[in-house]
C-alpha atoms as a PDB file:
ATOM      1  CA  UNK A   1      93.663 134.277 111.840  1.00  0.00           C
ATOM      2  CA  UNK A   2      94.189 132.815 108.378  1.00  0.00           C
ATOM      3  CA  UNK A   3      91.286 132.631 105.935  1.00  0.00           C
ATOM      4  CA  UNK A   4      89.790 129.279 104.957  1.00  0.00           C
ATOM      5  CA  UNK A   5      88.261 129.159 101.487  1.00  0.00           C
ATOM      6  CA  UNK A   6      85.867 126.511 100.182  1.00  0.00           C
ATOM      7  CA  UNK A   7      84.853 126.683  96.523  1.00  0.00           C
ATOM      8  CA  UNK A   8      81.977 124.719  95.101  1.00  0.00           C
ATOM      9  CA  UNK A   9      82.215 124.163  91.356  1.00  0.00           C
ATOM     10  CA  UNK A  10      79.292 124.351  88.985  1.00  0.00           C
ATOM     11  CA  UNK A  11      77.787 126.399  86.201  1.00  0.00           C
ATOM     12  CA  UNK A  12      75.824 129.544  86.932  1.00  0.00           C
ATOM     13  CA  UNK A  13      72.275 129.978  85.670  1.00  0.00           C
ATOM     14  CA  UNK A  14      68.849 128.430  86.069  1.00  0.00           C
ATOM     15  CA  UNK A  15      69.453 125.982  83.196  1.00  0.00           C
ATOM     16  CA  UNK A  16      72.164 124.284  85.292  1.00  0.00           C
ATOM     17  CA  UNK A  17      70.419 124.319  88.688  1.00  0.00           C
ATOM     18  CA  UNK A  18      69.966 120.781  89.988  1.00  0.00           C
ATOM     19  CA  UNK A  19      72.368 119.192  87.503  1.00  0.00           C
ATOM     20  CA  UNK A  20      75.025 116.666  88.439  1.00  0.00           C
ATOM     21  CA  UNK A  21      77.755 119.171  87.509  1.00  0.00           C
ATOM     22  CA  UNK A  22      76.430 121.637  90.103  1.00  0.00           C
ATOM     23  CA  UNK A  23      76.867 119.412  93.137  1.00  0.00           C
ATOM     24  CA  UNK A  24      79.623 121.705  94.453  1.00  0.00           C
ATOM     25  CA  UNK A  25      77.256 124.689  94.299  1.00  0.00           C
ATOM     26  CA  UNK A  26      74.634 122.728  96.259  1.00  0.00           C
ATOM     27  CA  UNK A  27      77.081 122.018  99.090  1.00  0.00           C
ATOM     28  CA  UNK A  28      78.282 125.608  99.498  1.00  0.00           C
ATOM     29  CA  UNK A  29      74.668 126.823  99.253  1.00  0.00           C
ATOM     30  CA  UNK A  30      73.766 124.435 102.083  1.00  0.00           C
ATOM     31  CA  UNK A  31      76.709 125.669 104.190  1.00  0.00           C
ATOM     32  CA  UNK A  32      75.736 129.322 103.621  1.00  0.00           C
ATOM     33  CA  UNK A  33      72.088 128.651 104.487  1.00  0.00           C
ATOM     34  CA  UNK A  34      73.146 126.856 107.680  1.00  0.00           C
ATOM     35  CA  UNK A  35      74.943 130.006 108.819  1.00  0.00           C
ATOM     36  CA  UNK A  36      72.139 132.300 107.562  1.00  0.00           C
ATOM     37  CA  UNK A  37      74.551 134.254 105.369  1.00  0.00           C
ATOM     38  CA  UNK A  38      73.751 135.533 101.907  1.00  0.00           C
ATOM     39  CA  UNK A  39      75.711 135.469  98.679  1.00  0.00           C
ATOM     40  CA  UNK A  40      77.235 138.668  97.309  1.00  0.00           C
ATOM     41  CA  UNK A  41      78.971 139.354  94.026  1.00  0.00           C
ATOM     42  CA  UNK A  42      82.702 139.228  94.744  1.00  0.00           C
ATOM     43  CA  UNK A  43      84.737 142.331  94.072  1.00  0.00           C
ATOM     44  CA  UNK A  44      87.908 140.247  93.862  1.00  0.00           C
ATOM     45  CA  UNK A  45      87.009 137.386  91.506  1.00  0.00           C
ATOM     46  CA  UNK A  46      84.425 136.330  88.936  1.00  0.00           C
ATOM     47  CA  UNK A  47      82.365 134.650  91.617  1.00  0.00           C
ATOM     48  CA  UNK A  48      79.727 134.833  94.296  1.00  0.00           C
ATOM     49  CA  UNK A  49      81.073 134.860  97.847  1.00  0.00           C
ATOM     50  CA  UNK A  50      79.557 134.220 101.256  1.00  0.00           C
ATOM     51  CA  UNK A  51      81.484 135.208 104.373  1.00  0.00           C
ATOM     52  CA  UNK A  52      81.017 133.042 107.444  1.00  0.00           C
ATOM     53  CA  UNK A  53      82.181 133.710 110.994  1.00  0.00           C
ATOM     54  CA  UNK A  54      85.738 132.643 111.807  1.00  0.00           C
ATOM     55  CA  UNK A  55      87.416 133.904 108.606  1.00  0.00           C
ATOM     56  CA  UNK A  56      85.673 131.297 106.465  1.00  0.00           C
ATOM     57  CA  UNK A  57      84.665 132.159 102.903  1.00  0.00           C
ATOM     58  CA  UNK A  58      82.519 130.186 100.479  1.00  0.00           C
ATOM     59  CA  UNK A  59      82.923 130.763  96.755  1.00  0.00           C
ATOM     60  CA  UNK A  60      80.881 129.942  93.638  1.00  0.00           C
ATOM     61  CA  UNK A  61      82.777 130.888  90.459  1.00  0.00           C
ATOM     62  CA  UNK A  62      80.593 132.534  87.809  1.00  0.00           C
ATOM     63  CA  UNK A  63      82.878 131.362  85.043  1.00  0.00           C
ATOM     64  CA  UNK A  64      81.811 128.138  83.417  1.00  0.00           C
ATOM     65  CA  UNK A  65      83.042 125.003  85.175  1.00  0.00           C
ATOM     66  CA  UNK A  66      85.966 124.475  82.793  1.00  0.00           C
ATOM     67  CA  UNK A  67      87.352 127.977  83.493  1.00  0.00           C
ATOM     68  CA  UNK A  68      86.799 128.046  87.254  1.00  0.00           C
ATOM     69  CA  UNK A  69      90.522 128.047  88.037  1.00  0.00           C
ATOM     70  CA  UNK A  70      90.811 131.663  86.937  1.00  0.00           C
ATOM     71  CA  UNK A  71      88.218 132.891  89.453  1.00  0.00           C
ATOM     72  CA  UNK A  72      89.540 130.743  92.271  1.00  0.00           C
ATOM     73  CA  UNK A  73      93.138 131.843  91.654  1.00  0.00           C
ATOM     74  CA  UNK A  74      92.030 135.493  91.888  1.00  0.00           C
ATOM     75  CA  UNK A  75      90.270 134.792  95.207  1.00  0.00           C
ATOM     76  CA  UNK A  76      93.198 132.807  96.646  1.00  0.00           C
ATOM     77  CA  UNK A  77      95.597 135.610  95.700  1.00  0.00           C
ATOM     78  CA  UNK A  78      93.377 138.440  96.976  1.00  0.00           C
ATOM     79  CA  UNK A  79      92.748 136.873 100.397  1.00  0.00           C
ATOM     80  CA  UNK A  80      96.238 135.325 100.561  1.00  0.00           C
ATOM     81  CA  UNK A  81      94.753 131.913 101.313  1.00  0.00           C
ATOM     82  CA  UNK A  82      97.399 129.276 102.073  1.00  0.00           C
ATOM     83  CA  UNK A  83      96.533 126.237  99.964  1.00  0.00           C
ATOM     84  CA  UNK A  84      96.396 124.126 103.123  1.00  0.00           C
ATOM     85  CA  UNK A  85      93.303 126.237 103.948  1.00  0.00           C
ATOM     86  CA  UNK A  86      91.618 125.703 100.587  1.00  0.00           C
ATOM     87  CA  UNK A  87      89.189 123.014  99.471  1.00  0.00           C
ATOM     88  CA  UNK A  88      87.175 122.555  96.278  1.00  0.00           C
ATOM     89  CA  UNK A  89      83.984 120.493  95.947  1.00  0.00           C
ATOM     90  CA  UNK A  90      83.237 118.814  92.606  1.00  0.00           C
ATOM     91  CA  UNK A  91      81.131 116.119  90.961  1.00  0.00           C
ATOM     92  CA  UNK A  92      82.857 112.925  89.781  1.00  0.00           C
ATOM     93  CA  UNK A  93      81.475 110.533  87.168  1.00  0.00           C
ATOM     94  CA  UNK A  94      84.072 107.909  88.085  1.00  0.00           C
ATOM     95  CA  UNK A  95      82.486 107.440  91.510  1.00  0.00           C
ATOM     96  CA  UNK A  96      79.070 105.815  91.951  1.00  0.00           C
ATOM     97  CA  UNK A  97      76.182 107.987  93.098  1.00  0.00           C
ATOM     98  CA  UNK A  98      76.395 108.284  96.862  1.00  0.00           C
ATOM     99  CA  UNK A  99      80.167 107.932  97.203  1.00  0.00           C
ATOM    100  CA  UNK A 100      82.249 110.796  98.658  1.00  0.00           C
ATOM    101  CA  UNK A 101      86.031 110.995  98.343  1.00  0.00           C
ATOM    102  CA  UNK A 102      88.082 113.575 100.262  1.00  0.00           C
ATOM    103  CA  UNK A 103      91.792 114.087  99.616  1.00  0.00           C
ATOM    104  CA  UNK A 104      94.268 116.743 100.757  1.00  0.00           C
ATOM    105  CA  UNK A 105      95.804 116.624  97.245  1.00  0.00           C
ATOM    106  CA  UNK A 106      95.563 114.557  94.087  1.00  0.00           C
ATOM    107  CA  UNK A 107      95.067 114.564  90.356  1.00  0.00           C
ATOM    108  CA  UNK A 108      92.280 116.008  88.239  1.00  0.00           C
ATOM    109  CA  UNK A 109      91.188 112.552  87.108  1.00  0.00           C
ATOM    110  CA  UNK A 110      90.150 114.176  83.827  1.00  0.00           C
ATOM    111  CA  UNK A 111      87.731 116.613  85.517  1.00  0.00           C
ATOM    112  CA  UNK A 112      88.060 119.811  83.501  1.00  0.00           C
ATOM    113  CA  UNK A 113      87.177 122.087  86.417  1.00  0.00           C
ATOM    114  CA  UNK A 114      89.992 120.539  88.452  1.00  0.00           C
ATOM    115  CA  UNK A 115      92.326 120.741  85.450  1.00  0.00           C
ATOM    116  CA  UNK A 116      91.616 124.475  85.217  1.00  0.00           C
ATOM    117  CA  UNK A 117      92.271 124.863  88.917  1.00  0.00           C
ATOM    118  CA  UNK A 118      95.538 122.905  88.803  1.00  0.00           C
ATOM    119  CA  UNK A 119      96.666 124.956  85.820  1.00  0.00           C
ATOM    120  CA  UNK A 120      95.916 128.322  87.455  1.00  0.00           C
ATOM    121  CA  UNK A 121      97.249 127.388  90.895  1.00  0.00           C
ATOM    122  CA  UNK A 122     100.292 125.642  89.418  1.00  0.00           C
ATOM    123  CA  UNK A 123      99.934 122.689  91.775  1.00  0.00           C
ATOM    124  CA  UNK A 124      97.829 119.654  92.672  1.00  0.00           C
ATOM    125  CA  UNK A 125      98.426 120.220  96.382  1.00  0.00           C
ATOM    126  CA  UNK A 126      95.030 121.446  97.497  1.00  0.00           C
ATOM    127  CA  UNK A 127      92.053 119.723  99.099  1.00  0.00           C
ATOM    128  CA  UNK A 128      89.282 118.275  97.002  1.00  0.00           C
ATOM    129  CA  UNK A 129      86.009 116.658  97.947  1.00  0.00           C
ATOM    130  CA  UNK A 130      84.588 114.615  95.080  1.00  0.00           C
ATOM    131  CA  UNK A 131      80.978 113.493  94.998  1.00  0.00           C
ATOM    132  CA  UNK A 132      80.000 110.515  92.902  1.00  0.00           C
ATOM    133  CA  UNK A 133      77.337 111.208  90.295  1.00  0.00           C
ATOM    134  CA  UNK A 134      77.800 107.912  88.423  1.00  0.00           C
ATOM    135  CA  UNK A 135      78.731 107.150  84.835  1.00  0.00           C
ATOM    136  CA  UNK A 136      76.319 107.599  81.962  1.00  0.00           C
ATOM    137  CA  UNK A 137      74.597 104.442  80.782  1.00  0.00           C
ATOM    138  CA  UNK A 138      75.081 103.039  77.301  1.00  0.00           C
ATOM    139  CA  UNK A 139      76.507 105.330  74.646  1.00  0.00           C
ATOM    140  CA  UNK A 140      75.529 108.614  76.319  1.00  0.00           C
ATOM    141  CA  UNK A 141      78.250 111.234  76.424  1.00  0.00           C
ATOM    142  CA  UNK A 142      79.718 112.170  79.815  1.00  0.00           C
ATOM    143  CA  UNK A 143      79.051 115.867  79.111  1.00  0.00           C
ATOM    144  CA  UNK A 144      75.343 115.176  78.557  1.00  0.00           C
ATOM    145  CA  UNK A 145      75.205 113.119  81.747  1.00  0.00           C
ATOM    146  CA  UNK A 146      76.734 115.747  84.038  1.00  0.00           C
ATOM    147  CA  UNK A 147      74.570 118.516  82.571  1.00  0.00           C
ATOM    148  CA  UNK A 148      71.424 116.480  83.247  1.00  0.00           C
ATOM    149  CA  UNK A 149      69.395 117.098  86.390  1.00  0.00           C
ATOM    150  CA  UNK A 150      69.303 114.458  89.110  1.00  0.00           C
ATOM    151  CA  UNK A 151      66.146 112.368  88.801  1.00  0.00           C
ATOM    152  CA  UNK A 152      63.368 112.611  91.412  1.00  0.00           C
ATOM    153  CA  UNK A 153      64.346 109.097  92.550  1.00  0.00           C
ATOM    154  CA  UNK A 154      67.977 110.199  93.060  1.00  0.00           C
ATOM    155  CA  UNK A 155      67.115 113.437  94.888  1.00  0.00           C
ATOM    156  CA  UNK A 156      66.784 111.955  98.447  1.00  0.00           C
ATOM    157  CA  UNK A 157      70.257 110.409  98.149  1.00  0.00           C
ATOM    158  CA  UNK A 158      71.694 113.624  96.675  1.00  0.00           C
ATOM    159  CA  UNK A 159      70.239 115.630  99.583  1.00  0.00           C
ATOM    160  CA  UNK A 160      71.923 113.238 102.018  1.00  0.00           C
ATOM    161  CA  UNK A 161      75.201 113.538 100.071  1.00  0.00           C
ATOM    162  CA  UNK A 162      75.038 117.334 100.285  1.00  0.00           C
ATOM    163  CA  UNK A 163      74.565 117.134 104.062  1.00  0.00           C
ATOM    164  CA  UNK A 164      77.388 114.590 104.425  1.00  0.00           C
ATOM    165  CA  UNK A 165      79.760 116.673 102.309  1.00  0.00           C
ATOM    166  CA  UNK A 166      78.894 119.784 104.340  1.00  0.00           C
ATOM    167  CA  UNK A 167      79.547 117.845 107.538  1.00  0.00           C
ATOM    168  CA  UNK A 168      83.009 116.876 106.250  1.00  0.00           C
ATOM    169  CA  UNK A 169      83.767 120.519 105.379  1.00  0.00           C
ATOM    170  CA  UNK A 170      82.618 121.750 108.789  1.00  0.00           C
ATOM    171  CA  UNK A 171      84.739 119.101 110.529  1.00  0.00           C
ATOM    172  CA  UNK A 172      87.749 120.131 108.425  1.00  0.00           C
ATOM    173  CA  UNK A 173      87.216 123.760 109.475  1.00  0.00           C
ATOM    174  CA  UNK A 174      86.987 122.855 113.146  1.00  0.00           C
ATOM    175  CA  UNK A 175      89.376 119.938 113.538  1.00  0.00           C
ATOM    176  CA  UNK A 176      91.531 119.550 110.430  1.00  0.00           C
ATOM    177  CA  UNK A 177      92.119 116.922 107.751  1.00  0.00           C
ATOM    178  CA  UNK A 178      92.573 113.878 109.970  1.00  0.00           C
ATOM    179  CA  UNK A 179      89.179 114.371 111.599  1.00  0.00           C
ATOM    180  CA  UNK A 180      87.445 115.152 108.277  1.00  0.00           C
ATOM    181  CA  UNK A 181      88.812 112.214 106.259  1.00  0.00           C
ATOM    182  CA  UNK A 182      86.442 109.517 107.640  1.00  0.00           C
ATOM    183  CA  UNK A 183      83.442 111.783 107.004  1.00  0.00           C
ATOM    184  CA  UNK A 184      84.577 112.675 103.503  1.00  0.00           C
ATOM    185  CA  UNK A 185      85.419 109.126 102.423  1.00  0.00           C
ATOM    186  CA  UNK A 186      82.279 107.086 102.614  1.00  0.00           C
ATOM    187  CA  UNK A 187      79.238 105.711 100.877  1.00  0.00           C
ATOM    188  CA  UNK A 188      76.187 107.782 101.755  1.00  0.00           C
ATOM    189  CA  UNK A 189      72.790 106.113 102.041  1.00  0.00           C
ATOM    190  CA  UNK A 190      69.461 107.876 101.444  1.00  0.00           C
END
């Protein structure tokens, strides 16, 4: 049975926990907790890994977001993961908070974590689940916005988004892209 790999992107460390940029980490953490599996330091990549039943692996790169392609490439190569069995979960400032967008391939859209991944994999042909975190208001820099924690008012919606994204991933594992697309392309309500 071929391995399926899902990588959540984020930045490691307590300073980044709960930030918009760490949405991918929150989803893979939720998936691991749902299967009662723990995270272990990977011996094959600069990352944490969680192994789920059915040859499914979750990955959290320990590189910074903008260098995550290096860790993911090492994992894909080590486990010989066909890219059709790979998905990455990222935040997206170009989508409003609450919006999920799932694609079997696509462009980076300026997301530096995705740019790193595309560069290291040498292709754009891999699955990506983007979660809207909204654009910064006024003159605030995008980098400041994504490194800011979700507000207490946003947290109920973010929790629902994490669950919805995890549901899309689980459906993809069980039934493939066609079944997962409606779940991964929607506006989530709190």
